[in-house]
Amino acid sequence: MKLLIVLVTHNRLELTKRTLESLLATVTVPHHIVVVDNASTDGTQDWLFEQAGENKIDWVIPNNDNAYPGAAANQGWAWGVSKYPGTTHLMRTDNDMEFRPGWDKEAVKAFKAFENLGQLGLMNQEQEFAPEPNRVTPLSHNGYTLNTYWFSIGGTHIMPKTLWDNGIRYDESPWRHMGVPTGQEDVKLSVTIKNQGFIVANLIPNLVWHLGDKAYYDQYPDYYRAKMEQRGYDYDAWLQGQIKGIDR
């Protein structure tokens, strides 16, 4: 596996530091790191350029406006695949994650075991969602087990570069607000990949986490509802927009 990692940032400098530090401390496979910053105003861009100057990351793409995560991920991948032609897998992560040793080794095992794995989520979603009604279901093949999930496997994931070569991209639409929902870019990507016949699944080992305390996970559904409503969404209408057209 030769990994092109795109980190999407927008403010939250302290979380960005923790995300990148944990990533650098744990990644062991051949890789390049490209950071796309969506118009941060809290010193994030200056700090990122410092990291590039110290050769901790390969490239920083500073956007003048918030391009939203889907567009930013596409932007970083497009630049990276042209620069690093040996890339075999593409990874996207947001700037609120903690990586623990072994996540990339488990990813290598997963892609070796599942020839038709189109998208590997790096978080075990059992840590966030109860088994019902979300139906996290184990799937075993060639001696390795993943969790399949009826919805989206999240923003932090890896997919084969061949999917990019075949035209699979993130949807770049901004999210809509106040009861006029549209699926988030990570949901749409998972649905697109599944509709083309690929497996979409998560790692089972808990090696990648959202940065947060235990209460975050224990209270995740209430936390997520509150966060979406803070962003201006009618949560129930938004959720229906997310799941519309997805085969459960």
Protein backbone atom coordinates (compact mmCIF):
# COMPACT_ATOMS: atom_id res chain seq x y z
CA MET A 1 0.00 0.00 0.00
CA LYS A 2 1.28 3.44 -1.00
CA LEU A 3 -1.03 5.93 0.63
CA LEU A 4 -1.96 9.47 -0.36
CA ILE A 5 -3.41 11.07 2.77
CA VAL A 6 -5.47 14.25 2.43
CA LEU A 7 -6.18 16.09 5.68
CA VAL A 8 -9.02 18.62 5.40
CA THR A 9 -8.81 21.49 7.90
CA HIS A 10 -10.95 24.46 8.86
CA ASN A 11 -9.92 26.31 12.04
CA ARG A 12 -9.74 24.23 15.27
CA LEU A 13 -5.95 24.63 15.34
CA GLU A 14 -5.45 22.68 18.57
CA LEU A 15 -7.41 19.73 17.24
CA THR A 16 -5.51 19.95 13.95
CA LYS A 17 -2.23 19.75 15.85
CA ARG A 18 -3.37 16.68 17.76
CA THR A 19 -4.69 15.02 14.60
CA LEU A 20 -1.51 15.54 12.62
CA GLU A 21 0.79 14.66 15.51
CA SER A 22 -1.00 11.35 16.10
CA LEU A 23 -1.03 10.62 12.36
CA LEU A 24 2.69 11.25 12.00
CA ALA A 25 3.46 9.18 15.09
CA THR A 26 1.58 6.12 13.85
CA VAL A 27 1.67 5.87 10.05
CA THR A 28 4.19 3.26 8.92
CA VAL A 29 3.23 2.48 5.32
CA PRO A 30 4.75 4.49 2.45
CA HIS A 31 2.74 7.70 2.27
CA HIS A 32 2.44 11.35 1.33
CA ILE A 33 0.40 13.90 3.28
CA VAL A 34 -1.38 16.80 1.57
CA VAL A 35 -3.36 19.26 3.69
CA VAL A 36 -6.19 21.30 2.18
CA ASP A 37 -7.16 24.19 4.43
CA ASN A 38 -10.62 25.67 3.98
CA ALA A 39 -9.89 29.33 4.71
CA SER A 40 -8.96 29.04 8.37
CA THR A 41 -8.67 32.30 10.29
CA ASP A 42 -7.13 31.07 13.56
CA GLY A 43 -3.48 30.65 12.55
CA THR A 44 -3.97 27.17 11.10
CA GLN A 45 -2.49 28.02 7.70
CA ASP A 46 0.68 29.54 9.18
CA TRP A 47 1.17 26.48 11.38
CA LEU A 48 0.63 24.12 8.45
CA PHE A 49 3.23 25.92 6.35
CA GLU A 50 5.65 25.56 9.27
CA GLN A 51 5.03 21.80 9.24
CA ALA A 52 5.64 21.68 5.51
CA GLY A 53 8.82 23.69 5.96
CA GLU A 54 10.00 21.06 8.45
CA ASN A 55 9.11 18.30 5.93
CA LYS A 56 6.50 16.82 8.25
CA ILE A 57 3.89 17.11 5.52
CA ASP A 58 4.36 17.19 1.78
CA TRP A 59 2.12 20.03 0.66
CA VAL A 60 -0.40 22.62 1.85
CA ILE A 61 -3.21 23.90 -0.36
CA PRO A 62 -4.62 27.10 1.19
CA ASN A 63 -8.12 27.98 0.02
CA ASN A 64 -9.36 31.55 0.17
CA ASP A 65 -12.93 30.35 0.79
CA ASN A 66 -14.43 27.37 2.56
CA ALA A 67 -14.67 24.75 -0.19
CA TYR A 68 -16.49 22.28 2.09
CA PRO A 69 -15.02 18.83 2.82
CA GLY A 70 -16.03 17.10 -0.42
CA ALA A 71 -14.50 19.68 -2.71
CA ALA A 72 -11.40 19.98 -0.52
CA ALA A 73 -10.81 16.21 -0.52
CA ASN A 74 -11.16 16.05 -4.30
CA GLN A 75 -8.80 18.99 -4.59
CA GLY A 76 -6.13 17.33 -2.47
CA TRP A 77 -6.46 13.96 -4.18
CA ALA A 78 -6.30 15.52 -7.65
CA TRP A 79 -3.10 17.35 -6.78
CA GLY A 80 -1.58 14.33 -5.05
CA VAL A 81 -2.24 11.71 -7.71
CA SER A 82 -0.63 13.96 -10.32
CA LYS A 83 2.39 14.50 -8.08
CA TYR A 84 2.78 10.97 -6.71
CA PRO A 85 2.03 8.49 -9.52
CA GLY A 86 2.96 5.47 -7.38
CA THR A 87 -0.06 5.98 -5.13
CA THR A 88 -2.21 2.86 -4.72
CA HIS A 89 -4.77 4.08 -2.14
CA LEU A 90 -6.39 7.41 -1.28
CA MET A 91 -7.21 8.45 2.27
CA ARG A 92 -9.21 11.39 3.60
CA THR A 93 -9.34 12.49 7.21
CA ASP A 94 -10.76 15.48 9.03
CA ASN A 95 -8.92 17.53 11.62
CA ASP A 96 -10.59 16.09 14.72
CA MET A 97 -9.18 12.57 14.80
CA GLU A 98 -6.74 10.60 16.92
CA PHE A 99 -4.74 7.82 15.27
CA ARG A 100 -3.38 4.97 17.35
CA PRO A 101 -0.59 2.56 16.41
CA GLY A 102 -1.59 -0.21 14.04
CA TRP A 103 -4.41 1.47 12.09
CA ASP A 104 -2.52 1.33 8.80
CA LYS A 105 -1.38 -2.26 9.31
CA GLU A 106 -5.02 -3.26 9.85
CA ALA A 107 -5.96 -1.39 6.66
CA VAL A 108 -3.38 -3.37 4.70
CA LYS A 109 -4.82 -6.62 6.09
CA ALA A 110 -8.34 -5.57 5.15
CA PHE A 111 -7.54 -4.72 1.54
CA LYS A 112 -5.56 -7.95 1.14
CA ALA A 113 -8.42 -10.05 2.52
CA PHE A 114 -11.26 -8.36 0.63
CA GLU A 115 -10.48 -8.07 -3.07
CA ASN A 116 -13.68 -6.08 -3.67
CA LEU A 117 -13.26 -3.63 -0.79
CA GLY A 118 -14.11 -0.22 -2.19
CA GLN A 119 -14.09 1.91 0.95
CA LEU A 120 -12.59 1.17 4.35
CA GLY A 121 -13.74 3.30 7.24
CA LEU A 122 -11.04 3.60 9.87
CA MET A 123 -13.36 3.95 12.85
CA ASN A 124 -15.24 1.11 14.50
CA GLN A 125 -18.74 2.56 14.40
CA GLU A 126 -19.88 0.28 17.21
CA GLN A 127 -18.19 2.83 19.46
CA GLU A 128 -20.66 5.47 18.26
CA PHE A 129 -23.86 3.69 17.29
CA ALA A 130 -25.98 1.09 19.02
CA PRO A 131 -26.47 -2.13 16.99
CA GLU A 132 -30.11 -1.25 16.27
CA PRO A 133 -31.50 0.36 14.25
CA ASN A 134 -28.18 1.02 12.55
CA ARG A 135 -27.27 -2.61 11.97
CA VAL A 136 -23.51 -2.90 12.19
CA THR A 137 -22.93 -6.38 10.77
CA PRO A 138 -19.67 -8.36 10.80
CA LEU A 139 -18.42 -9.68 7.46
CA SER A 140 -15.56 -12.21 7.29
CA HIS A 141 -13.46 -13.23 4.28
CA ASN A 142 -10.03 -14.82 3.94
CA GLY A 143 -9.59 -14.87 7.72
CA TYR A 144 -10.32 -11.19 8.32
CA THR A 145 -13.48 -9.56 9.66
CA LEU A 146 -14.87 -6.08 9.01
CA ASN A 147 -18.07 -4.34 10.08
CA THR A 148 -20.46 -3.50 7.28
CA TYR A 149 -22.85 -0.64 7.89
CA TRP A 150 -26.09 0.24 6.10
CA PHE A 151 -25.40 3.99 6.07
CA SER A 152 -22.07 5.80 5.63
CA ILE A 153 -18.72 4.66 7.02
CA GLY A 154 -17.71 8.25 7.81
CA GLY A 155 -15.29 10.83 6.56
CA THR A 156 -12.02 9.20 7.67
CA HIS A 157 -11.50 6.36 5.22
CA ILE A 158 -9.31 4.74 2.56
CA MET A 159 -10.29 3.71 -0.95
CA PRO A 160 -8.31 2.16 -3.83
CA LYS A 161 -6.96 4.69 -6.30
CA THR A 162 -8.55 2.64 -9.08
CA LEU A 163 -11.94 4.03 -8.00
CA TRP A 164 -10.61 7.55 -8.51
CA ASP A 165 -9.24 6.50 -11.90
CA ASN A 166 -12.73 5.26 -12.76
CA GLY A 167 -14.25 8.63 -11.99
CA ILE A 168 -15.52 8.29 -8.42
CA ARG A 169 -15.42 11.64 -6.65
CA TYR A 170 -16.90 13.32 -3.62
CA ASP A 171 -20.01 15.37 -4.23
CA GLU A 172 -18.90 19.00 -3.85
CA SER A 173 -22.26 20.57 -2.98
CA PRO A 174 -22.47 22.63 0.20
CA TRP A 175 -24.87 21.22 2.75
CA ARG A 176 -28.34 22.80 2.65
CA HIS A 177 -30.02 24.21 5.68
CA MET A 178 -33.29 24.55 7.55
CA GLY A 179 -35.33 21.60 6.39
CA VAL A 180 -34.06 21.47 2.80
CA PRO A 181 -31.71 18.56 3.29
CA THR A 182 -29.13 17.04 1.05
CA GLY A 183 -26.92 14.09 1.83
CA GLN A 184 -23.52 14.87 3.27
CA GLU A 185 -20.57 14.23 1.00
CA ASP A 186 -19.41 11.16 2.96
CA VAL A 187 -22.84 9.53 2.71
CA LYS A 188 -23.06 10.17 -1.02
CA LEU A 189 -19.60 8.73 -1.60
CA SER A 190 -20.39 5.52 0.31
CA VAL A 191 -23.66 5.13 -1.62
CA THR A 192 -21.89 5.68 -4.95
CA ILE A 193 -19.25 3.08 -4.15
CA LYS A 194 -21.82 0.53 -2.91
CA ASN A 195 -23.98 1.09 -6.00
CA GLN A 196 -21.03 0.09 -8.16
CA GLY A 197 -20.86 -3.26 -6.39
CA PHE A 198 -18.02 -2.68 -3.95
CA ILE A 199 -17.89 -3.54 -0.26
CA VAL A 200 -18.06 -0.59 2.12
CA ALA A 201 -17.02 -1.45 5.66
CA ASN A 202 -15.25 -0.32 8.84
CA LEU A 203 -12.31 -1.66 10.77
CA ILE A 204 -13.23 -3.42 13.99
CA PRO A 205 -10.17 -2.52 16.12
CA ASN A 206 -10.69 0.84 17.85
CA LEU A 207 -7.58 2.50 16.47
CA VAL A 208 -8.98 5.79 15.13
CA TRP A 209 -11.21 8.01 17.27
CA HIS A 210 -12.88 11.37 17.17
CA LEU A 211 -11.09 13.68 19.54
CA GLY A 212 -13.41 13.89 22.48
CA ASP A 213 -14.04 12.50 25.91
CA LYS A 214 -16.00 9.40 26.90
CA ALA A 215 -19.24 11.35 27.20
CA TYR A 216 -18.99 12.12 23.49
CA TYR A 217 -19.35 8.44 22.65
CA ASP A 218 -21.83 7.55 25.40
CA GLN A 219 -24.10 10.38 24.30
CA TYR A 220 -23.34 10.37 20.58
CA PRO A 221 -26.91 10.48 19.17
CA ASP A 222 -27.86 13.45 21.36
CA TYR A 223 -24.51 15.09 20.65
CA TYR A 224 -24.96 14.73 16.89
CA ARG A 225 -28.51 16.07 16.94
CA ALA A 226 -27.35 19.12 18.91
CA LYS A 227 -24.43 19.75 16.55
CA MET A 228 -26.62 19.54 13.45
CA GLU A 229 -29.20 21.88 14.93
CA GLN A 230 -26.43 24.34 15.82
CA ARG A 231 -25.52 24.33 12.13
CA GLY A 232 -29.04 25.38 11.21
CA TYR A 233 -30.59 22.03 10.28
CA ASP A 234 -33.98 20.62 11.03
CA TYR A 235 -32.42 17.38 12.24
CA ASP A 236 -35.28 15.02 11.42
CA ALA A 237 -35.71 16.44 7.92
CA TRP A 238 -31.96 16.32 7.42
CA LEU A 239 -31.80 12.67 8.50
CA GLN A 240 -34.57 11.70 6.09
CA GLY A 241 -32.63 13.42 3.33
CA GLN A 242 -29.56 11.42 4.25
CA ILE A 243 -31.24 8.03 4.12
CA LYS A 244 -33.52 8.66 1.15
CA GLY A 245 -32.74 6.19 -1.59
CA ILE A 246 -30.38 4.09 0.53
CA ASP A 247 -31.30 0.40 0.61
CA ARG A 248 -31.52 -0.64 4.23
